């Protein structure tokens, strides 16, 4: 039985539209990550999952994981109330009320590490720590992007791009007694987030060359940053790097102690561009075919679930099953209606078309639950953050 037929059988009584989770594929992806972590620990990226129940499901396979990389202090509060621990706030924040709500959990012993890349954020955290007579843990975020003569390859996030900036930050920050530096993050976004086979064909000859040159710079700078920080504060508890797209390379980097992984579990469509990841699509959404305006064209109800990032076709969802369907060039996925051209098999009115979202966790912002299947049968439902009434960013 084809996968499409399995899905149609398993989900036959589920109202459309709906989001699905293929547990067979999820388990295969979990196993792939486990087998390729080497001696590194894993930190699971919550933004790529956005479901407490799925986070718990994944975590069962990684008993030695270091915890969670979160994307909002409100999210940390939400997860802490549910018994989660060992948080790394992946981005600088400046919301006082959100941080102060977490002070009781810190006093109880929960580990929450805050991201810092500027003296302003460091001093802000110091003030909160001083007012509450508590020490707040800090992770310094360095920028490991590469500036080539005519191309900036990477992301513009942290301003700490070289040794002097890092030393200046440390010299001004370590005097604060209500903060403590325990970690370093050097996220190689240009490796993890840029596929080897982008949609734009003209980039396909350039990207591998840029990645190869950038890797050497990343490793040298991150190792040096570890040395500099430890010369000021002593041994670090962790050095965080990588992402799903750079997993196979980052595990070989000696300075890294833990790797952040999230998207690899759902394996969204954007990651098809990473040729080194033989993973299986584990999550997506199904739409009902409701119209057939002409021969060879069908219309689905819903579908305009475009992902964030620079505007390009690879941010659109992709048609998954059945094969042989494609968007109309002049319409694409629509807010309420999505017309599709059928090149081979033509679904009938009432049938389902299955899609994959471009980015992992953003799918969960559209649906209250993920309907799970295993071996062609329904296997429960997993509530999303939205299904629990939460929306953090």
Protein backbone atom coordinates (compact mmCIF):
# COMPACT_ATOMS: atom_id res chain seq x y z
CA UNK A 1 0.00 0.00 0.00
CA UNK A 2 1.40 3.41 -0.96
CA UNK A 3 2.08 6.00 1.72
CA UNK A 4 -0.69 8.16 0.28
CA UNK A 5 -3.15 5.27 0.60
CA UNK A 6 -1.97 4.62 4.16
CA UNK A 7 -2.58 8.25 5.09
CA UNK A 8 -5.99 8.30 3.43
CA UNK A 9 -6.97 5.20 5.37
CA UNK A 10 -5.56 6.37 8.71
CA UNK A 11 -6.95 9.91 8.52
CA UNK A 12 -10.25 9.13 6.78
CA UNK A 13 -12.40 10.43 9.64
CA UNK A 14 -10.28 13.49 10.53
CA UNK A 15 -11.81 16.85 9.53
CA UNK A 16 -9.73 18.81 7.03
CA UNK A 17 -7.57 20.83 7.21
CA UNK A 18 -5.41 19.09 9.79
CA UNK A 19 -1.76 18.68 10.70
CA UNK A 20 -0.29 15.21 10.92
CA UNK A 21 2.68 13.52 12.55
CA UNK A 22 4.04 10.28 11.07
CA UNK A 23 5.52 8.48 14.08
CA UNK A 24 7.34 5.92 11.93
CA UNK A 25 9.21 8.71 10.18
CA UNK A 26 9.75 10.64 13.41
CA UNK A 27 11.30 7.55 15.00
CA UNK A 28 13.62 7.09 12.01
CA UNK A 29 14.73 10.72 12.26
CA UNK A 30 15.35 10.40 16.01
CA UNK A 31 17.45 7.31 15.37
CA UNK A 32 19.49 9.09 12.69
CA UNK A 33 20.28 11.95 15.07
CA UNK A 34 21.21 9.53 17.88
CA UNK A 35 23.52 7.56 15.62
CA UNK A 36 25.33 10.68 14.39
CA UNK A 37 25.75 12.68 17.60
CA UNK A 38 29.08 11.04 18.35
CA UNK A 39 30.34 12.15 21.74
CA UNK A 40 28.31 15.36 21.72
CA UNK A 41 25.27 16.09 23.84
CA UNK A 42 22.01 17.28 22.31
CA UNK A 43 20.02 20.38 23.18
CA UNK A 44 16.57 20.25 21.62
CA UNK A 45 15.32 23.39 19.87
CA UNK A 46 11.79 23.99 21.08
CA UNK A 47 10.94 26.48 18.31
CA UNK A 48 11.21 23.66 15.79
CA UNK A 49 8.78 21.41 17.69
CA UNK A 50 6.26 23.68 19.51
CA UNK A 51 4.44 20.85 21.22
CA UNK A 52 5.02 19.83 24.84
CA UNK A 53 3.91 16.30 24.12
CA UNK A 54 6.21 15.89 21.12
CA UNK A 55 9.11 17.42 23.07
CA UNK A 56 8.60 14.79 25.76
CA UNK A 57 8.33 12.07 23.12
CA UNK A 58 11.67 13.07 21.55
CA UNK A 59 13.42 13.59 24.89
CA UNK A 60 12.77 9.98 25.89
CA UNK A 61 15.35 8.95 23.29
CA UNK A 62 18.01 11.34 24.62
CA UNK A 63 18.32 10.73 28.38
CA UNK A 64 21.72 12.50 28.47
CA UNK A 65 20.51 15.61 26.65
CA UNK A 66 21.55 18.95 28.14
CA UNK A 67 18.10 20.49 27.94
CA UNK A 68 16.20 22.91 25.74
CA UNK A 69 16.99 25.90 23.56
CA UNK A 70 13.95 28.16 23.89
CA UNK A 71 12.84 31.22 21.96
CA UNK A 72 10.85 33.21 24.53
CA UNK A 73 10.96 33.78 28.28
CA UNK A 74 7.19 33.26 28.36
CA UNK A 75 7.81 29.90 26.74
CA UNK A 76 10.32 29.02 29.48
CA UNK A 77 7.69 29.90 32.10
CA UNK A 78 5.14 27.72 30.30
CA UNK A 79 7.53 24.77 30.13
CA UNK A 80 8.88 25.25 33.66
CA UNK A 81 5.35 25.00 35.04
CA UNK A 82 5.08 21.65 33.24
CA UNK A 83 8.20 20.32 34.94
CA UNK A 84 10.82 21.03 32.25
CA UNK A 85 14.32 22.12 33.29
CA UNK A 86 17.73 23.14 31.88
CA UNK A 87 16.85 26.00 29.56
CA UNK A 88 19.10 28.00 27.28
CA UNK A 89 17.31 31.14 26.12
CA UNK A 90 18.53 31.19 22.54
CA UNK A 91 18.23 34.95 21.96
CA UNK A 92 18.74 38.15 23.96
CA UNK A 93 15.57 39.48 25.60
CA UNK A 94 14.75 42.67 27.51
CA UNK A 95 11.32 41.96 28.98
CA UNK A 96 11.67 42.53 32.73
CA UNK A 97 8.34 41.08 33.82
CA UNK A 98 9.01 37.87 31.89
CA UNK A 99 12.38 37.35 33.54
CA UNK A 100 11.14 38.23 37.02
CA UNK A 101 8.34 35.67 36.74
CA UNK A 102 11.06 33.04 36.43
CA UNK A 103 12.99 34.09 39.55
CA UNK A 104 11.01 31.70 41.81
CA UNK A 105 11.87 28.80 39.54
CA UNK A 106 15.54 29.75 39.61
CA UNK A 107 15.43 29.86 43.41
CA UNK A 108 13.94 26.37 43.36
CA UNK A 109 16.96 25.17 41.41
CA UNK A 110 15.85 25.22 37.78
CA UNK A 111 18.66 26.08 35.40
CA UNK A 112 17.94 29.01 33.09
CA UNK A 113 20.76 30.52 31.04
CA UNK A 114 20.29 33.90 29.37
CA UNK A 115 21.83 34.91 26.06
CA UNK A 116 24.08 37.98 25.95
CA UNK A 117 25.95 39.67 23.10
CA UNK A 118 26.11 43.26 24.38
CA UNK A 119 27.03 45.10 27.55
CA UNK A 120 23.55 46.65 27.60
CA UNK A 121 21.89 43.23 27.95
CA UNK A 122 24.50 42.09 30.47
CA UNK A 123 23.99 45.16 32.68
CA UNK A 124 20.21 44.76 32.40
CA UNK A 125 20.45 41.19 33.69
CA UNK A 126 22.89 42.29 36.40
CA UNK A 127 20.38 44.84 37.66
CA UNK A 128 17.61 42.23 37.88
CA UNK A 129 19.95 39.84 39.65
CA UNK A 130 21.04 42.52 42.12
CA UNK A 131 17.50 43.65 42.90
CA UNK A 132 16.43 40.05 43.53
CA UNK A 133 19.68 39.00 45.25
CA UNK A 134 20.22 36.16 42.81
CA UNK A 135 22.90 35.16 40.31
CA UNK A 136 21.68 34.90 36.73
CA UNK A 137 23.55 32.54 34.39
CA UNK A 138 24.80 33.87 31.06
CA UNK A 139 25.79 32.43 27.69
CA UNK A 140 27.81 34.65 25.34
CA UNK A 141 26.74 34.55 21.70
CA UNK A 142 29.48 35.14 19.13
CA UNK A 143 28.97 35.76 15.42
CA UNK A 144 30.66 33.06 13.32
CA UNK A 145 29.55 34.39 9.94
CA UNK A 146 32.24 34.88 7.30
CA UNK A 147 32.97 38.12 5.48
CA UNK A 148 34.44 37.34 2.08
CA UNK A 149 35.76 40.22 -0.08
CA UNK A 150 32.42 40.71 -1.87
CA UNK A 151 30.00 38.51 0.09
CA UNK A 152 28.85 38.44 3.71
CA UNK A 153 28.07 34.77 4.25
CA UNK A 154 25.95 34.19 7.33
CA UNK A 155 23.46 36.05 9.50
CA UNK A 156 23.63 39.51 11.05
CA UNK A 157 22.84 38.78 14.68
CA UNK A 158 25.54 39.06 17.33
CA UNK A 159 27.98 42.00 17.01
CA UNK A 160 30.81 39.91 18.49
CA UNK A 161 32.68 39.13 15.30
CA UNK A 162 36.30 39.30 16.47
CA UNK A 163 38.59 39.00 19.49
CA UNK A 164 38.62 42.65 20.53
CA UNK A 165 34.83 42.88 20.74
CA UNK A 166 34.72 39.74 22.87
CA UNK A 167 37.46 40.92 25.23
CA UNK A 168 35.86 44.35 25.59
CA UNK A 169 32.54 42.74 26.51
CA UNK A 170 34.18 40.45 29.07
CA UNK A 171 36.25 43.19 30.66
CA UNK A 172 33.17 45.34 31.12
CA UNK A 173 30.86 42.51 32.14
CA UNK A 174 32.72 40.20 34.51
CA UNK A 175 32.79 42.86 37.24
CA UNK A 176 29.06 42.24 37.71
CA UNK A 177 28.62 39.87 40.67
CA UNK A 178 25.00 38.92 40.08
CA UNK A 179 25.70 37.28 36.73
CA UNK A 180 27.91 34.35 35.83
CA UNK A 181 29.14 33.27 32.39
CA UNK A 182 28.66 29.52 31.97
CA UNK A 183 28.43 29.01 28.23
CA UNK A 184 29.29 30.08 24.71
CA UNK A 185 27.15 29.79 21.61
CA UNK A 186 28.62 29.96 18.12
CA UNK A 187 25.84 29.03 15.72
CA UNK A 188 27.03 28.39 12.17
CA UNK A 189 23.82 29.53 10.48
CA UNK A 190 25.45 29.68 7.05
CA UNK A 191 26.14 25.93 7.29
CA UNK A 192 23.11 24.72 9.25
CA UNK A 193 20.53 26.95 7.61
CA UNK A 194 21.71 27.08 4.00
CA UNK A 195 21.15 23.99 1.90
CA UNK A 196 23.59 22.58 -0.62
CA UNK A 197 20.89 22.47 -3.28
CA UNK A 198 19.00 25.79 -3.15
CA UNK A 199 15.97 26.48 -5.36
CA UNK A 200 17.88 29.13 -7.29
CA UNK A 201 20.03 27.03 -9.62
CA UNK A 202 22.66 29.76 -10.08
CA UNK A 203 23.56 29.42 -6.38
CA UNK A 204 24.28 25.69 -6.56
CA UNK A 205 27.85 26.12 -7.74
CA UNK A 206 28.59 28.91 -5.27
CA UNK A 207 27.10 27.69 -1.98
CA UNK A 208 29.31 24.59 -1.56
CA UNK A 209 32.43 26.71 -2.13
CA UNK A 210 31.32 29.35 0.37
CA UNK A 211 30.52 26.66 2.93
CA UNK A 212 33.88 24.98 2.52
CA UNK A 213 35.76 28.25 3.01
CA UNK A 214 33.53 29.32 5.88
CA UNK A 215 33.97 26.10 7.87
CA UNK A 216 37.65 26.76 8.49
CA UNK A 217 36.93 30.28 9.76
CA UNK A 218 34.14 29.08 12.04
CA UNK A 219 36.28 26.47 13.75
CA UNK A 220 39.25 28.78 14.31
CA UNK A 221 37.16 31.66 15.67
CA UNK A 222 34.99 29.52 17.93
CA UNK A 223 38.03 27.74 19.42
CA UNK A 224 39.71 31.09 20.04
CA UNK A 225 36.55 32.47 21.63
CA UNK A 226 36.47 29.54 24.07
CA UNK A 227 40.09 30.22 25.03
CA UNK A 228 39.42 33.92 25.57
CA UNK A 229 36.29 33.43 27.67
CA UNK A 230 37.86 30.74 29.83
CA UNK A 231 40.87 32.97 30.46
CA UNK A 232 38.45 35.42 32.12
CA UNK A 233 35.90 33.16 33.83
CA UNK A 234 37.41 29.68 34.07
CA UNK A 235 36.01 26.50 32.52
CA UNK A 236 32.73 26.82 30.68
CA UNK A 237 29.88 24.43 31.37
CA UNK A 238 29.02 24.13 27.68
CA UNK A 239 29.93 25.29 24.18
CA UNK A 240 26.88 25.21 21.93
CA UNK A 241 27.03 24.98 18.17
CA UNK A 242 25.38 23.58 15.15
CA UNK A 243 21.89 22.93 14.02
CA UNK A 244 20.16 20.15 12.11
CA UNK A 245 21.67 21.24 8.81
CA UNK A 246 25.25 21.18 10.10
CA UNK A 247 24.95 18.14 12.37
CA UNK A 248 27.39 15.92 10.51
CA UNK A 249 30.08 18.60 10.46
CA UNK A 250 29.57 20.08 13.91
CA UNK A 251 29.96 16.72 15.67
CA UNK A 252 33.58 16.73 14.46
CA UNK A 253 34.41 20.09 16.04
CA UNK A 254 36.38 19.49 19.24
CA UNK A 255 35.49 22.77 20.94
CA UNK A 256 31.73 22.06 20.76
CA UNK A 257 30.22 20.11 23.66
CA UNK A 258 26.55 20.20 22.64
CA UNK A 259 24.60 20.53 19.41
CA UNK A 260 21.20 22.12 19.04
CA UNK A 261 18.82 19.98 16.97
CA UNK A 262 15.18 20.61 16.18
CA UNK A 263 14.20 20.64 12.50
CA UNK A 264 15.75 17.23 11.86
CA UNK A 265 12.91 15.59 13.77
CA UNK A 266 10.05 16.91 11.62
CA UNK A 267 12.28 17.31 8.52
CA UNK A 268 10.37 20.17 6.85
CA UNK A 269 10.57 20.86 3.13
CA UNK A 270 13.31 23.50 3.38
CA UNK A 271 15.71 20.80 4.56
CA UNK A 272 15.37 18.89 1.29
CA UNK A 273 18.11 21.27 0.17
CA UNK A 274 20.55 19.58 2.60
CA UNK A 275 21.84 16.63 0.61
CA UNK A 276 23.65 15.16 3.64
CA UNK A 277 20.44 14.49 5.58
CA UNK A 278 18.68 11.25 4.54
CA UNK A 279 15.68 11.96 6.76
CA UNK A 280 11.95 11.31 6.35
CA UNK A 281 9.16 13.90 6.26
CA UNK A 282 7.45 13.42 9.62
CA UNK A 283 5.04 16.34 9.80
CA UNK A 284 2.75 18.15 7.42
CA UNK A 285 -0.85 19.09 6.77
CA UNK A 286 -3.74 17.75 4.75
CA UNK A 287 -6.26 19.75 2.73
CA UNK A 288 -9.54 18.64 1.18
CA UNK A 289 -10.06 18.86 -2.58
CA UNK A 290 -13.25 20.88 -2.99
CA UNK A 291 -13.25 22.03 -6.61
CA UNK A 292 -12.27 21.02 -10.11
CA UNK A 293 -12.52 24.15 -12.28
CA UNK A 294 -11.20 22.44 -15.41
CA UNK A 295 -9.54 19.27 -16.58
CA UNK A 296 -6.17 18.81 -14.90
CA UNK A 297 -6.77 21.43 -12.18
CA UNK A 298 -8.08 20.87 -8.66
CA UNK A 299 -8.65 23.30 -5.79
CA UNK A 300 -7.94 22.60 -2.11
CA UNK A 301 -9.53 24.42 0.82
CA UNK A 302 -6.82 26.38 2.72
CA UNK A 303 -3.07 26.15 2.33
CA UNK A 304 -1.50 29.60 2.53
CA UNK A 305 0.89 28.63 5.30
CA UNK A 306 4.00 30.46 4.17
CA UNK A 307 7.13 30.27 6.31
CA UNK A 308 9.18 33.17 7.65
CA UNK A 309 12.41 34.46 6.13
CA UNK A 310 13.42 36.25 2.95
CA UNK A 311 10.69 36.05 0.32
CA UNK A 312 11.41 33.18 -2.04
CA UNK A 313 9.67 30.11 -3.41
CA UNK A 314 11.39 27.84 -0.91
CA UNK A 315 9.37 29.46 1.89
CA UNK A 316 6.15 28.10 0.41
CA UNK A 317 4.78 24.75 1.51
CA UNK A 318 5.46 21.92 -0.92
CA UNK A 319 2.96 19.45 -2.32
CA UNK A 320 3.84 16.07 -0.80
CA UNK A 321 1.25 13.43 -1.67
CA UNK A 322 0.00 12.32 -4.08
CA UNK A 323 2.93 12.93 -6.40
CA UNK A 324 2.55 14.86 -9.62
CA UNK A 325 0.79 17.97 -8.30
CA UNK A 326 2.17 21.50 -8.43
CA UNK A 327 1.11 25.06 -7.63
CA UNK A 328 -0.18 27.33 -10.36
CA UNK A 329 2.53 29.89 -11.02
CA UNK A 330 0.18 32.87 -10.88
CA UNK A 331 -1.63 31.83 -7.67
CA UNK A 332 0.47 29.63 -5.37
CA UNK A 333 -0.93 28.48 -2.00
CA UNK A 334 -3.88 30.66 -1.07
CA UNK A 335 -5.30 32.02 2.16
CA UNK A 336 -8.49 30.02 1.69
CA UNK A 337 -8.12 28.23 -1.64
CA UNK A 338 -5.11 26.54 -3.26
CA UNK A 339 -5.40 25.49 -6.91
CA UNK A 340 -3.08 22.74 -8.13
CA UNK A 341 -2.14 21.48 -11.55
CA UNK A 342 -2.21 17.70 -11.89
CA UNK A 343 0.41 16.21 -14.19
CA UNK A 344 -0.50 12.57 -13.63
CA UNK A 345 -2.88 11.26 -10.98
CA UNK A 346 -5.82 13.63 -10.47
CA UNK A 347 -7.45 13.49 -7.01
CA UNK A 348 -11.22 13.59 -6.99
CA UNK A 349 -13.41 16.10 -5.18
CA UNK A 350 -13.44 14.95 -1.56
CA UNK A 351 -9.92 13.47 -1.67
CA UNK A 352 -7.00 14.85 0.32
CA UNK A 353 -3.74 16.45 -0.73
CA UNK A 354 -0.87 16.34 1.77
CA UNK A 355 1.65 19.17 2.06
CA UNK A 356 4.89 19.80 3.94
CA UNK A 357 5.57 23.11 5.61
CA UNK A 358 8.82 24.84 4.68
CA UNK A 359 10.00 25.39 8.27
CA UNK A 360 9.55 22.96 11.14
CA UNK A 361 7.76 24.43 14.15
CA UNK A 362 5.89 27.16 12.32
CA UNK A 363 3.40 24.54 11.14
CA UNK A 364 2.21 24.21 14.74
CA UNK A 365 1.19 27.87 14.86
CA UNK A 366 -1.57 26.99 12.37
CA UNK A 367 -3.06 23.98 14.12
CA UNK A 368 -4.16 23.04 17.63
CA UNK A 369 -2.98 19.45 17.37
CA UNK A 370 -0.88 17.04 15.36
CA UNK A 371 -2.85 13.92 14.47
CA UNK A 372 -0.44 10.98 14.74
CA UNK A 373 -0.26 7.79 12.73
CA UNK A 374 1.90 4.69 12.91
CA UNK A 375 1.96 1.75 10.52
CA UNK A 376 -0.96 3.22 8.59
CA UNK A 377 -3.19 3.57 11.65
CA UNK A 378 -4.19 6.45 13.91
CA UNK A 379 -1.98 6.63 17.01
CA UNK A 380 -3.22 9.50 19.16
CA UNK A 381 -3.01 13.27 19.00
CA UNK A 382 -0.31 15.67 20.19
CA UNK A 383 -1.40 19.15 21.26
CA UNK A 384 0.63 22.05 19.90
CA UNK A 385 1.49 25.18 21.88
CA UNK A 386 -1.45 26.81 20.13
CA UNK A 387 -3.65 23.91 21.19
CA UNK A 388 -2.77 24.74 24.78
CA UNK A 389 -3.70 28.38 24.24
CA UNK A 390 -0.16 29.68 23.88
CA UNK A 391 1.49 31.90 21.26
CA UNK A 392 4.93 33.26 22.14
CA UNK A 393 6.29 35.08 19.09
